Structure formats: C-alpha cells, structure tokens
Amino acid sequence: MPPWIEHFAVAVCAVSGVLAAEGKRMDLFGALVLALVTAVGGGTIRDLCLGAEPVFWIESPDHLHTALGAALTTFVLARFVRPPNRALAVADAFGLALFGIVGTEKALLFNSPPLVAILLGVVTGVAGGILRDVLRQELPHVFRTEVELYATAVAGGATVFLLLRLNLPPAEWHRYAGMAIILLLRLAAMRWRLRLPVYRTSNDP
C-alpha cells in the first residue's frame, strides 16, 4: 500500500472529525480529540485484532502529524469560511473508501481469511466514526436508520477488491477499483437515498 493513501485517509478523516464538532461548543482541544479518534480509531482496532505490533500510528508517528495538521487547518479555516452543508458527509465518504481498502489489504498481509479481511476493512472504515459520534454523545452515524448505505458500501468495495486480488495477477489498480466502488456506492446512496431495509416485526404499526 503506497504510504500516501494511508496519509490521505488519515487527513480526510481528521477533517471530518473537526467538522463533526460544529454545534457542540467544543474548544480546540476537543476538536483535535475528535479528529484524532476519527483518523486513527478504526486502524487501531484493526491492528489490535490482527496482533500487529506496534499499532500503525505508534510505528509511524507521521500519521499523527498528518492528522493534526489537517485538523488544525480545518479548525482555523472553518472560523472564516462556512463549510458546505454536506462537507462532513463527503469527507466521511472519502475516509470510508480509503480506509476500507487499507484495512482489507492489511488483513490479507496477515493471512486473514477472506471474510475476516472484509470485516476488518469495514471496521477500519467505520470504527473511527463510531468512536467520534460516541464522544459527541450521539447515536453513531452507521447505526441510524435515516443514513444511506454506509458500512455496506465498504463491504461491497472490499469484496470486489478481494475477488480481483484472488483471481487476477497482482496489480495496483485492484485497490483503486475497490476504493472507487466504495466511494461511488456511498455518494450514490446519498444522492438517491439508497438504504437497507429497516428491522420490523409483525407488531410494528
């Protein structure tokens, strides 16, 4: 995995963490905490599950520098320029796409079975956002019924990436195809309100 992809993913997720502080009356410290949790939370859980030592941001502190730089820049700019209404959702979509494939590929490097690799890709993509929303005292984005395809988009892209990797000669474009599918699924779901069925029982009205 080229280092720039993981750094870009960290930066995008850090931006989404700062944007999530809007309306919460948080100071700079609080915004930076949200940014760091969003940026490295999913990858941390993935590495702990894989037994990867040390965790990726401890092994390479440059990831923290990237996250903090992106977060500070966003914090300052947001005071002068109002972010677009869907800025958080779009930043989150890019984070999902990048980290979903990063997590899947790292799981494969540790010889994880295909299903485990896909699930760890999903964890890498969504866990940071879950931690961010818990700290904001909100129901995590991924669990809301009104939210369009989210973790499902990561699973779809990770599955395509895995099939390409297992059935074709190794090639760089496999990971980019997986990322593109996650991003397109998420953006299409936002545009056309594509959602999974909601759990209901015969007793529901």
N, C-alpha and C. Protein backbone atom coordinates (compact mmCIF):
# COMPACT_ATOMS: atom_id res chain seq x y z
N MET A 1 0.85 -1.19 0.00
CA MET A 1 0.00 0.00 0.00
C MET A 1 0.89 1.26 0.00
N PRO A 2 0.77 2.12 -1.00
CA PRO A 2 1.56 3.35 -1.02
C PRO A 2 1.28 4.20 0.23
N PRO A 3 2.31 4.72 0.89
CA PRO A 3 2.10 5.50 2.12
C PRO A 3 1.15 6.68 1.95
N TRP A 4 1.13 7.29 0.76
CA TRP A 4 0.31 8.49 0.59
C TRP A 4 -1.17 8.18 0.76
N ILE A 5 -1.58 6.95 0.43
CA ILE A 5 -3.00 6.61 0.56
C ILE A 5 -3.43 6.63 2.02
N GLU A 6 -2.62 6.01 2.89
CA GLU A 6 -2.98 5.98 4.31
C GLU A 6 -2.91 7.38 4.91
N HIS A 7 -1.94 8.19 4.48
CA HIS A 7 -1.85 9.56 4.98
C HIS A 7 -3.04 10.40 4.50
N PHE A 8 -3.44 10.19 3.27
CA PHE A 8 -4.60 10.92 2.75
C PHE A 8 -5.86 10.51 3.51
N ALA A 9 -5.99 9.21 3.79
CA ALA A 9 -7.14 8.73 4.55
C ALA A 9 -7.17 9.34 5.94
N VAL A 10 -6.01 9.39 6.60
CA VAL A 10 -5.92 9.99 7.93
C VAL A 10 -6.31 11.46 7.88
N ALA A 11 -5.82 12.18 6.87
CA ALA A 11 -6.13 13.61 6.76
C ALA A 11 -7.61 13.84 6.54
N VAL A 12 -8.23 13.07 5.64
CA VAL A 12 -9.65 13.25 5.35
C VAL A 12 -10.50 12.95 6.59
N CYS A 13 -10.15 11.89 7.29
CA CYS A 13 -10.92 11.53 8.49
C CYS A 13 -10.72 12.57 9.60
N ALA A 14 -9.52 13.13 9.70
CA ALA A 14 -9.29 14.19 10.68
C ALA A 14 -10.15 15.41 10.37
N VAL A 15 -10.25 15.75 9.09
CA VAL A 15 -11.11 16.86 8.68
C VAL A 15 -12.56 16.59 9.08
N SER A 16 -13.03 15.36 8.83
CA SER A 16 -14.42 15.03 9.18
C SER A 16 -14.62 15.09 10.69
N GLY A 17 -13.59 14.74 11.46
CA GLY A 17 -13.70 14.81 12.92
C GLY A 17 -13.86 16.24 13.41
N VAL A 18 -13.11 17.17 12.82
CA VAL A 18 -13.25 18.58 13.20
C VAL A 18 -14.61 19.12 12.78
N LEU A 19 -15.06 18.78 11.57
CA LEU A 19 -16.36 19.25 11.10
C LEU A 19 -17.49 18.73 11.99
N ALA A 20 -17.29 17.55 12.58
CA ALA A 20 -18.30 16.97 13.46
C ALA A 20 -18.42 17.73 14.78
N ALA A 21 -17.46 18.60 15.08
CA ALA A 21 -17.51 19.38 16.32
C ALA A 21 -18.47 20.57 16.20
N GLU A 22 -18.95 20.85 14.98
CA GLU A 22 -19.84 22.00 14.79
C GLU A 22 -21.10 21.86 15.65
N GLY A 23 -21.45 22.91 16.32
CA GLY A 23 -22.64 22.93 17.15
C GLY A 23 -22.48 22.28 18.51
N LYS A 24 -21.30 21.75 18.82
CA LYS A 24 -21.07 21.06 20.09
C LYS A 24 -20.34 21.95 21.10
N ARG A 25 -20.05 23.17 20.73
CA ARG A 25 -19.37 24.13 21.62
C ARG A 25 -18.07 23.56 22.16
N MET A 26 -17.29 22.92 21.30
CA MET A 26 -16.01 22.35 21.71
C MET A 26 -14.90 23.36 21.45
N ASP A 27 -13.88 23.33 22.31
CA ASP A 27 -12.71 24.17 22.08
C ASP A 27 -11.73 23.42 21.17
N LEU A 28 -10.56 24.01 20.97
CA LEU A 28 -9.57 23.42 20.07
C LEU A 28 -9.18 22.02 20.51
N PHE A 29 -8.99 21.83 21.81
CA PHE A 29 -8.60 20.50 22.30
C PHE A 29 -9.66 19.46 21.96
N GLY A 30 -10.92 19.80 22.22
CA GLY A 30 -12.00 18.86 21.92
C GLY A 30 -12.07 18.51 20.45
N ALA A 31 -11.90 19.52 19.58
CA ALA A 31 -11.93 19.28 18.14
C ALA A 31 -10.78 18.38 17.71
N LEU A 32 -9.60 18.59 18.31
CA LEU A 32 -8.44 17.76 17.96
C LEU A 32 -8.63 16.32 18.43
N VAL A 33 -9.26 16.14 19.58
CA VAL A 33 -9.53 14.79 20.07
C VAL A 33 -10.46 14.06 19.09
N LEU A 34 -11.53 14.74 18.66
CA LEU A 34 -12.44 14.14 17.69
C LEU A 34 -11.70 13.79 16.40
N ALA A 35 -10.82 14.70 15.97
CA ALA A 35 -10.07 14.47 14.73
C ALA A 35 -9.18 13.23 14.85
N LEU A 36 -8.43 13.13 15.95
CA LEU A 36 -7.51 12.00 16.12
C LEU A 36 -8.26 10.68 16.26
N VAL A 37 -9.34 10.69 17.01
CA VAL A 37 -10.13 9.47 17.20
C VAL A 37 -10.69 8.99 15.86
N THR A 38 -11.20 9.93 15.07
CA THR A 38 -11.75 9.57 13.76
C THR A 38 -10.67 9.07 12.83
N ALA A 39 -9.50 9.71 12.88
CA ALA A 39 -8.42 9.40 11.95
C ALA A 39 -7.73 8.06 12.23
N VAL A 40 -7.55 7.72 13.50
CA VAL A 40 -6.75 6.52 13.82
C VAL A 40 -7.54 5.46 14.57
N GLY A 41 -8.80 5.73 14.92
CA GLY A 41 -9.56 4.78 15.73
C GLY A 41 -9.78 3.45 15.04
N GLY A 42 -10.25 3.48 13.78
CA GLY A 42 -10.52 2.24 13.07
C GLY A 42 -9.26 1.42 12.83
N GLY A 43 -8.18 2.10 12.42
CA GLY A 43 -6.93 1.40 12.19
C GLY A 43 -6.35 0.81 13.45
N THR A 44 -6.57 1.48 14.58
CA THR A 44 -6.07 0.97 15.86
C THR A 44 -6.78 -0.34 16.23
N ILE A 45 -8.10 -0.35 16.10
CA ILE A 45 -8.86 -1.57 16.41
C ILE A 45 -8.46 -2.70 15.47
N ARG A 46 -8.28 -2.37 14.18
CA ARG A 46 -7.84 -3.38 13.20
C ARG A 46 -6.50 -3.99 13.61
N ASP A 47 -5.53 -3.14 13.95
CA ASP A 47 -4.20 -3.65 14.30
C ASP A 47 -4.24 -4.49 15.57
N LEU A 48 -5.07 -4.09 16.53
CA LEU A 48 -5.19 -4.88 17.76
C LEU A 48 -5.79 -6.25 17.45
N CYS A 49 -6.78 -6.28 16.55
CA CYS A 49 -7.39 -7.57 16.17
C CYS A 49 -6.38 -8.46 15.44
N LEU A 50 -5.53 -7.87 14.63
CA LEU A 50 -4.55 -8.62 13.85
C LEU A 50 -3.31 -8.99 14.67
N GLY A 51 -3.14 -8.35 15.82
CA GLY A 51 -1.93 -8.56 16.60
C GLY A 51 -0.74 -7.86 15.99
N ALA A 52 -1.00 -6.80 15.22
CA ALA A 52 0.08 -6.03 14.59
C ALA A 52 0.73 -5.14 15.64
N GLU A 53 2.02 -5.30 15.84
CA GLU A 53 2.74 -4.53 16.86
C GLU A 53 3.94 -3.83 16.24
N PRO A 54 4.11 -2.54 16.56
CA PRO A 54 3.16 -1.69 17.28
C PRO A 54 2.03 -1.23 16.36
N VAL A 55 1.00 -0.63 16.96
CA VAL A 55 -0.11 -0.08 16.17
C VAL A 55 0.44 0.94 15.18
N PHE A 56 -0.23 1.08 14.02
CA PHE A 56 0.36 1.79 12.88
C PHE A 56 0.80 3.21 13.20
N TRP A 57 0.04 3.94 14.02
CA TRP A 57 0.42 5.34 14.28
C TRP A 57 1.52 5.45 15.34
N ILE A 58 1.75 4.39 16.09
CA ILE A 58 2.89 4.36 17.01
C ILE A 58 4.16 4.01 16.23
N GLU A 59 4.02 3.09 15.29
CA GLU A 59 5.15 2.72 14.45
C GLU A 59 5.57 3.88 13.55
N SER A 60 4.59 4.65 13.08
CA SER A 60 4.87 5.78 12.18
C SER A 60 4.13 7.01 12.68
N PRO A 61 4.74 7.78 13.60
CA PRO A 61 4.08 8.97 14.16
C PRO A 61 3.75 10.03 13.11
N ASP A 62 4.29 9.89 11.89
CA ASP A 62 3.95 10.84 10.84
C ASP A 62 2.44 10.88 10.58
N HIS A 63 1.76 9.76 10.86
CA HIS A 63 0.31 9.75 10.70
C HIS A 63 -0.35 10.75 11.65
N LEU A 64 0.19 10.86 12.86
CA LEU A 64 -0.34 11.84 13.82
C LEU A 64 -0.07 13.26 13.33
N HIS A 65 1.11 13.49 12.77
CA HIS A 65 1.43 14.81 12.25
C HIS A 65 0.45 15.19 11.14
N THR A 66 0.15 14.23 10.27
CA THR A 66 -0.79 14.47 9.18
C THR A 66 -2.17 14.80 9.72
N ALA A 67 -2.63 14.00 10.70
CA ALA A 67 -3.96 14.22 11.26
C ALA A 67 -4.05 15.56 11.96
N LEU A 68 -3.06 15.89 12.77
CA LEU A 68 -3.09 17.15 13.50
C LEU A 68 -2.98 18.34 12.55
N GLY A 69 -2.15 18.22 11.51
CA GLY A 69 -2.03 19.31 10.54
C GLY A 69 -3.34 19.57 9.82
N ALA A 70 -3.99 18.49 9.37
CA ALA A 70 -5.28 18.64 8.68
C ALA A 70 -6.34 19.19 9.62
N ALA A 71 -6.32 18.73 10.87
CA ALA A 71 -7.32 19.18 11.84
C ALA A 71 -7.15 20.66 12.17
N LEU A 72 -5.93 21.08 12.43
CA LEU A 72 -5.67 22.48 12.76
C LEU A 72 -6.04 23.40 11.59
N THR A 73 -5.70 22.98 10.38
CA THR A 73 -6.04 23.78 9.20
C THR A 73 -7.55 23.92 9.07
N THR A 74 -8.27 22.83 9.26
CA THR A 74 -9.74 22.88 9.16
C THR A 74 -10.33 23.74 10.26
N PHE A 75 -9.80 23.60 11.48
CA PHE A 75 -10.31 24.38 12.61
C PHE A 75 -10.18 25.87 12.34
N VAL A 76 -9.04 26.29 11.79
CA VAL A 76 -8.82 27.71 11.52
C VAL A 76 -9.69 28.19 10.36
N LEU A 77 -9.70 27.43 9.26
CA LEU A 77 -10.45 27.85 8.08
C LEU A 77 -11.95 27.94 8.35
N ALA A 78 -12.45 27.01 9.19
CA ALA A 78 -13.89 26.99 9.48
C ALA A 78 -14.35 28.25 10.20
N ARG A 79 -13.43 28.98 10.82
CA ARG A 79 -13.79 30.21 11.52
C ARG A 79 -14.02 31.37 10.55
N PHE A 80 -13.54 31.20 9.32
CA PHE A 80 -13.65 32.28 8.33
C PHE A 80 -14.52 31.89 7.13
N VAL A 81 -14.58 30.60 6.84
CA VAL A 81 -15.36 30.13 5.69
C VAL A 81 -16.30 29.03 6.17
N ARG A 82 -17.59 29.22 5.96
CA ARG A 82 -18.56 28.21 6.39
C ARG A 82 -18.46 26.99 5.49
N PRO A 83 -18.23 25.80 6.05
CA PRO A 83 -18.14 24.59 5.23
C PRO A 83 -19.49 24.31 4.55
N PRO A 84 -19.47 23.75 3.34
CA PRO A 84 -20.73 23.36 2.68
C PRO A 84 -21.53 22.41 3.56
N ASN A 85 -22.85 22.39 3.34
CA ASN A 85 -23.73 21.60 4.20
C ASN A 85 -23.36 20.12 4.24
N ARG A 86 -22.92 19.58 3.11
CA ARG A 86 -22.63 18.15 3.05
C ARG A 86 -21.13 17.87 3.15
N ALA A 87 -20.36 18.85 3.62
CA ALA A 87 -18.90 18.67 3.69
C ALA A 87 -18.54 17.48 4.57
N LEU A 88 -19.21 17.34 5.72
CA LEU A 88 -18.90 16.23 6.63
C LEU A 88 -19.19 14.90 5.96
N ALA A 89 -20.35 14.79 5.30
CA ALA A 89 -20.73 13.52 4.67
C ALA A 89 -19.78 13.15 3.54
N VAL A 90 -19.35 14.14 2.75
CA VAL A 90 -18.44 13.86 1.64
C VAL A 90 -17.06 13.48 2.16
N ALA A 91 -16.55 14.20 3.16
CA ALA A 91 -15.26 13.85 3.75
C ALA A 91 -15.32 12.44 4.34
N ASP A 92 -16.44 12.13 4.98
CA ASP A 92 -16.62 10.81 5.57
C ASP A 92 -16.61 9.73 4.49
N ALA A 93 -17.22 10.03 3.34
CA ALA A 93 -17.27 9.06 2.25
C ALA A 93 -15.87 8.74 1.72
N PHE A 94 -15.04 9.77 1.59
CA PHE A 94 -13.66 9.54 1.14
C PHE A 94 -12.90 8.73 2.18
N GLY A 95 -13.12 9.03 3.45
CA GLY A 95 -12.46 8.26 4.51
C GLY A 95 -12.86 6.80 4.48
N LEU A 96 -14.15 6.54 4.26
CA LEU A 96 -14.63 5.17 4.15
C LEU A 96 -13.93 4.43 3.02
N ALA A 97 -13.87 5.08 1.85
CA ALA A 97 -13.30 4.44 0.67
C ALA A 97 -11.83 4.10 0.87
N LEU A 98 -11.08 5.06 1.39
CA LEU A 98 -9.64 4.85 1.55
C LEU A 98 -9.33 3.84 2.64
N PHE A 99 -9.89 4.05 3.82
CA PHE A 99 -9.57 3.18 4.94
C PHE A 99 -10.17 1.79 4.78
N GLY A 100 -11.31 1.68 4.08
CA GLY A 100 -11.90 0.36 3.87
C GLY A 100 -10.97 -0.58 3.13
N ILE A 101 -10.31 -0.07 2.09
CA ILE A 101 -9.39 -0.91 1.32
C ILE A 101 -8.05 -1.05 2.04
N VAL A 102 -7.59 0.01 2.71
CA VAL A 102 -6.36 -0.08 3.50
C VAL A 102 -6.49 -1.21 4.52
N GLY A 103 -7.64 -1.26 5.21
CA GLY A 103 -7.84 -2.28 6.23
C GLY A 103 -7.93 -3.68 5.66
N THR A 104 -8.63 -3.81 4.53
CA THR A 104 -8.75 -5.12 3.89
C THR A 104 -7.39 -5.64 3.43
N GLU A 105 -6.61 -4.75 2.81
CA GLU A 105 -5.30 -5.17 2.30
C GLU A 105 -4.35 -5.54 3.43
N LYS A 106 -4.40 -4.80 4.53
CA LYS A 106 -3.51 -5.14 5.64
C LYS A 106 -3.91 -6.47 6.26
N ALA A 107 -5.21 -6.73 6.33
CA ALA A 107 -5.65 -8.02 6.87
C ALA A 107 -5.17 -9.17 5.99
N LEU A 108 -5.16 -8.97 4.67
CA LEU A 108 -4.66 -10.00 3.77
C LEU A 108 -3.17 -10.24 3.97
N LEU A 109 -2.41 -9.17 4.26
CA LEU A 109 -0.99 -9.31 4.51
C LEU A 109 -0.71 -10.18 5.73
N PHE A 110 -1.70 -10.20 6.65
CA PHE A 110 -1.56 -11.03 7.85
C PHE A 110 -2.23 -12.39 7.65
N ASN A 111 -2.48 -12.74 6.38
CA ASN A 111 -3.04 -14.06 6.02
C ASN A 111 -4.41 -14.32 6.64
N SER A 112 -5.20 -13.27 6.77
CA SER A 112 -6.56 -13.43 7.27
C SER A 112 -7.44 -14.10 6.21
N PRO A 113 -8.40 -14.92 6.62
CA PRO A 113 -9.35 -15.49 5.67
C PRO A 113 -10.13 -14.36 4.97
N PRO A 114 -10.66 -14.62 3.78
CA PRO A 114 -11.34 -13.57 3.02
C PRO A 114 -12.43 -12.84 3.79
N LEU A 115 -13.32 -13.57 4.47
CA LEU A 115 -14.40 -12.91 5.20
C LEU A 115 -13.85 -12.03 6.32
N VAL A 116 -12.83 -12.50 7.01
CA VAL A 116 -12.22 -11.71 8.08
C VAL A 116 -11.59 -10.45 7.50
N ALA A 117 -10.95 -10.56 6.35
CA ALA A 117 -10.33 -9.40 5.72
C ALA A 117 -11.38 -8.35 5.37
N ILE A 118 -12.52 -8.79 4.85
CA ILE A 118 -13.60 -7.85 4.52
C ILE A 118 -14.13 -7.17 5.77
N LEU A 119 -14.35 -7.96 6.82
CA LEU A 119 -14.88 -7.39 8.07
C LEU A 119 -13.90 -6.41 8.69
N LEU A 120 -12.61 -6.70 8.62
CA LEU A 120 -11.62 -5.76 9.16
C LEU A 120 -11.52 -4.52 8.29
N GLY A 121 -11.79 -4.65 7.00
CA GLY A 121 -11.88 -3.47 6.15
C GLY A 121 -13.04 -2.57 6.59
N VAL A 122 -14.17 -3.20 6.89
CA VAL A 122 -15.33 -2.44 7.38
C VAL A 122 -15.00 -1.77 8.71
N VAL A 123 -14.39 -2.52 9.61
CA VAL A 123 -14.01 -1.97 10.92
C VAL A 123 -13.08 -0.77 10.75
N THR A 124 -12.09 -0.90 9.87
CA THR A 124 -11.15 0.19 9.66
C THR A 124 -11.86 1.43 9.12
N GLY A 125 -12.85 1.20 8.27
CA GLY A 125 -13.56 2.32 7.67
C GLY A 125 -14.53 3.03 8.60
N VAL A 126 -15.23 2.26 9.46
CA VAL A 126 -16.34 2.87 10.22
C VAL A 126 -16.07 3.06 11.71
N ALA A 127 -15.11 2.34 12.29
CA ALA A 127 -14.94 2.37 13.74
C ALA A 127 -14.53 3.75 14.25
N GLY A 128 -13.68 4.45 13.50
CA GLY A 128 -13.28 5.79 13.94
C GLY A 128 -14.47 6.73 14.02
N GLY A 129 -15.37 6.64 13.05
CA GLY A 129 -16.58 7.46 13.08
C GLY A 129 -17.51 7.09 14.22
N ILE A 130 -17.56 5.81 14.56
CA ILE A 130 -18.38 5.38 15.69
C ILE A 130 -17.85 5.99 16.99
N LEU A 131 -16.54 5.91 17.19
CA LEU A 131 -15.94 6.49 18.39
C LEU A 131 -16.17 8.00 18.44
N ARG A 132 -16.03 8.65 17.28
CA ARG A 132 -16.27 10.10 17.20
C ARG A 132 -17.68 10.45 17.64
N ASP A 133 -18.67 9.70 17.15
CA ASP A 133 -20.06 10.01 17.48
C ASP A 133 -20.39 9.70 18.93
N VAL A 134 -19.77 8.65 19.49
CA VAL A 134 -19.98 8.35 20.90
C VAL A 134 -19.46 9.51 21.76
N LEU A 135 -18.29 10.05 21.40
CA LEU A 135 -17.74 11.19 22.14
C LEU A 135 -18.62 12.43 21.99
N ARG A 136 -19.34 12.52 20.88
CA ARG A 136 -20.27 13.64 20.68
C ARG A 136 -21.62 13.39 21.36
N GLN A 137 -21.73 12.23 22.00
CA GLN A 137 -22.97 11.82 22.67
C GLN A 137 -24.13 11.74 21.68
N GLU A 138 -23.85 11.12 20.53
CA GLU A 138 -24.86 10.90 19.52
C GLU A 138 -24.86 9.44 19.10
N LEU A 139 -26.02 8.99 18.59
CA LEU A 139 -26.09 7.64 18.03
C LEU A 139 -25.14 7.58 16.84
N PRO A 140 -24.20 6.61 16.82
CA PRO A 140 -23.25 6.55 15.71
C PRO A 140 -23.93 6.59 14.35
N HIS A 141 -23.30 7.31 13.43
CA HIS A 141 -23.82 7.51 12.09
C HIS A 141 -24.21 6.20 11.43
N VAL A 142 -23.37 5.19 11.60
CA VAL A 142 -23.56 3.93 10.90
C VAL A 142 -24.80 3.18 11.36
N PHE A 143 -25.33 3.50 12.55
CA PHE A 143 -26.48 2.78 13.08
C PHE A 143 -27.81 3.51 12.86
N ARG A 144 -27.80 4.68 12.26
CA ARG A 144 -29.03 5.45 12.09
C ARG A 144 -29.82 4.94 10.90
N THR A 145 -31.12 4.78 11.09
CA THR A 145 -31.96 4.27 10.01
C THR A 145 -32.09 5.25 8.86
N GLU A 146 -31.92 6.55 9.14
CA GLU A 146 -32.06 7.54 8.07
C GLU A 146 -30.80 7.72 7.24
N VAL A 147 -29.70 7.07 7.65
CA VAL A 147 -28.43 7.19 6.93
C VAL A 147 -28.39 6.19 5.78
N GLU A 148 -27.98 6.66 4.60
CA GLU A 148 -27.91 5.81 3.43
C GLU A 148 -26.77 4.80 3.56
N LEU A 149 -26.63 3.90 2.57
CA LEU A 149 -25.62 2.84 2.61
C LEU A 149 -24.29 3.36 3.14
N TYR A 150 -23.77 2.71 4.14
CA TYR A 150 -22.57 3.19 4.82
C TYR A 150 -21.56 2.04 4.94
N ALA A 151 -21.70 1.25 5.99
CA ALA A 151 -20.81 0.09 6.13
C ALA A 151 -20.99 -0.87 4.97
N THR A 152 -22.21 -0.95 4.44
CA THR A 152 -22.49 -1.84 3.31
C THR A 152 -21.66 -1.46 2.09
N ALA A 153 -21.46 -0.15 1.90
CA ALA A 153 -20.64 0.31 0.78
C ALA A 153 -19.20 -0.18 0.94
N VAL A 154 -18.69 -0.13 2.15
CA VAL A 154 -17.32 -0.61 2.41
C VAL A 154 -17.23 -2.11 2.13
N ALA A 155 -18.21 -2.85 2.61
CA ALA A 155 -18.21 -4.30 2.38
C ALA A 155 -18.24 -4.62 0.89
N GLY A 156 -19.04 -3.87 0.12
CA GLY A 156 -19.12 -4.10 -1.32
C GLY A 156 -17.80 -3.85 -2.02
N GLY A 157 -17.18 -2.71 -1.73
CA GLY A 157 -15.89 -2.39 -2.35
C GLY A 157 -14.80 -3.34 -1.92
N ALA A 158 -14.79 -3.70 -0.64
CA ALA A 158 -13.77 -4.63 -0.14
C ALA A 158 -13.92 -6.01 -0.79
N THR A 159 -15.16 -6.42 -1.01
CA THR A 159 -15.41 -7.72 -1.65
C THR A 159 -14.89 -7.73 -3.09
N VAL A 160 -15.16 -6.65 -3.82
CA VAL A 160 -14.67 -6.56 -5.20
C VAL A 160 -13.14 -6.57 -5.21
N PHE A 161 -12.53 -5.79 -4.32
CA PHE A 161 -11.06 -5.77 -4.23
C PHE A 161 -10.51 -7.16 -3.95
N LEU A 162 -11.15 -7.86 -3.03
CA LEU A 162 -10.68 -9.20 -2.65
C LEU A 162 -10.79 -10.17 -3.83
N LEU A 163 -11.92 -10.11 -4.56
CA LEU A 163 -12.11 -11.00 -5.71
C LEU A 163 -11.07 -10.72 -6.79
N LEU A 164 -10.78 -9.45 -7.03
CA LEU A 164 -9.76 -9.10 -8.02
C LEU A 164 -8.40 -9.61 -7.58
N ARG A 165 -8.09 -9.42 -6.30
CA ARG A 165 -6.79 -9.81 -5.78
C ARG A 165 -6.59 -11.33 -5.82
N LEU A 166 -7.67 -12.07 -5.58
CA LEU A 166 -7.54 -13.53 -5.51
C LEU A 166 -7.61 -14.21 -6.87
N ASN A 167 -8.22 -13.56 -7.85
CA ASN A 167 -8.47 -14.23 -9.13
C ASN A 167 -7.69 -13.66 -10.31
N LEU A 168 -6.98 -12.55 -10.11
CA LEU A 168 -6.21 -11.95 -11.19
C LEU A 168 -4.76 -11.76 -10.74
N PRO A 169 -3.84 -11.62 -11.70
CA PRO A 169 -2.46 -11.33 -11.31
C PRO A 169 -2.40 -10.04 -10.51
N PRO A 170 -1.51 -9.92 -9.53
CA PRO A 170 -1.42 -8.71 -8.70
C PRO A 170 -1.26 -7.46 -9.55
N ALA A 171 -2.01 -6.43 -9.19
CA ALA A 171 -1.95 -5.16 -9.93
C ALA A 171 -2.39 -4.03 -9.01
N GLU A 172 -1.80 -2.85 -9.22
CA GLU A 172 -2.11 -1.68 -8.40
C GLU A 172 -3.57 -1.27 -8.53
N TRP A 173 -4.15 -1.47 -9.72
CA TRP A 173 -5.49 -0.93 -9.96
C TRP A 173 -6.55 -1.66 -9.15
N HIS A 174 -6.25 -2.83 -8.62
CA HIS A 174 -7.23 -3.55 -7.82
C HIS A 174 -7.70 -2.71 -6.63
N ARG A 175 -6.73 -2.12 -5.90
CA ARG A 175 -7.11 -1.35 -4.72
C ARG A 175 -7.88 -0.07 -5.12
N TYR A 176 -7.48 0.53 -6.24
CA TYR A 176 -8.17 1.75 -6.65
C TYR A 176 -9.59 1.45 -7.13
N ALA A 177 -9.78 0.29 -7.72
CA ALA A 177 -11.12 -0.12 -8.12
C ALA A 177 -12.01 -0.31 -6.89
N GLY A 178 -11.46 -0.96 -5.86
CA GLY A 178 -12.22 -1.14 -4.62
C GLY A 178 -12.58 0.18 -3.97
N MET A 179 -11.62 1.11 -3.92
CA MET A 179 -11.89 2.43 -3.36
C MET A 179 -12.96 3.17 -4.15
N ALA A 180 -12.87 3.09 -5.48
CA ALA A 180 -13.84 3.79 -6.33
C ALA A 180 -15.24 3.24 -6.11
N ILE A 181 -15.36 1.93 -5.95
CA ILE A 181 -16.69 1.34 -5.73
C ILE A 181 -17.28 1.79 -4.40
N ILE A 182 -16.46 1.80 -3.35
CA ILE A 182 -16.96 2.27 -2.05
C ILE A 182 -17.42 3.71 -2.15
N LEU A 183 -16.59 4.56 -2.76
CA LEU A 183 -16.93 5.98 -2.86
C LEU A 183 -18.19 6.19 -3.70
N LEU A 184 -18.27 5.51 -4.84
CA LEU A 184 -19.43 5.68 -5.71
C LEU A 184 -20.70 5.16 -5.06
N LEU A 185 -20.61 4.02 -4.38
CA LEU A 185 -21.79 3.49 -3.68
C LEU A 185 -22.28 4.46 -2.61
N ARG A 186 -21.34 5.00 -1.85
CA ARG A 186 -21.72 5.92 -0.78
C ARG A 186 -22.31 7.21 -1.34
N LEU A 187 -21.68 7.78 -2.36
CA LEU A 187 -22.18 9.03 -2.94
C LEU A 187 -23.52 8.81 -3.64
N ALA A 188 -23.65 7.66 -4.33
CA ALA A 188 -24.92 7.35 -4.99
C ALA A 188 -26.03 7.16 -3.96
N ALA A 189 -25.69 6.51 -2.84
CA ALA A 189 -26.68 6.32 -1.78
C ALA A 189 -27.12 7.66 -1.19
N MET A 190 -26.18 8.59 -1.03
CA MET A 190 -26.53 9.92 -0.53
C MET A 190 -27.41 10.66 -1.53
N ARG A 191 -27.12 10.48 -2.82
CA ARG A 191 -27.86 11.20 -3.85
C ARG A 191 -29.27 10.66 -4.03
N TRP A 192 -29.41 9.33 -4.03
CA TRP A 192 -30.72 8.73 -4.31
C TRP A 192 -31.35 8.06 -3.10
N ARG A 193 -30.84 8.34 -1.91
CA ARG A 193 -31.42 7.82 -0.67
C ARG A 193 -31.52 6.29 -0.66
N LEU A 194 -30.45 5.62 -1.02
CA LEU A 194 -30.43 4.16 -1.03
C LEU A 194 -30.14 3.66 0.38
N ARG A 195 -31.03 2.84 0.90
CA ARG A 195 -30.89 2.35 2.28
C ARG A 195 -31.21 0.87 2.35
N LEU A 196 -30.72 0.24 3.41
CA LEU A 196 -31.08 -1.14 3.69
C LEU A 196 -32.45 -1.19 4.34
N PRO A 197 -33.14 -2.34 4.23
CA PRO A 197 -34.43 -2.46 4.90
C PRO A 197 -34.29 -2.29 6.41
N VAL A 198 -35.28 -1.68 7.02
CA VAL A 198 -35.28 -1.47 8.47
C VAL A 198 -35.92 -2.67 9.15
N TYR A 199 -35.34 -3.09 10.28
CA TYR A 199 -35.88 -4.23 11.01
C TYR A 199 -37.27 -3.90 11.56
N ARG A 200 -38.23 -4.75 11.23
CA ARG A 200 -39.59 -4.59 11.74
C ARG A 200 -40.14 -5.98 12.11
N THR A 201 -41.11 -5.97 13.03
CA THR A 201 -41.81 -7.21 13.38
C THR A 201 -43.29 -7.04 13.07
N SER A 202 -44.02 -8.12 13.20
CA SER A 202 -45.46 -8.07 12.90
C SER A 202 -46.20 -7.17 13.87
N ASN A 203 -45.58 -6.85 15.02
CA ASN A 203 -46.23 -5.96 16.00
C ASN A 203 -46.05 -4.49 15.71
N ASP A 204 -45.11 -4.17 14.78
CA ASP A 204 -44.89 -2.78 14.46
C ASP A 204 -46.06 -2.21 13.68
N PRO A 205 -46.40 -0.94 13.93
CA PRO A 205 -47.52 -0.33 13.20
C PRO A 205 -47.18 -0.16 11.72
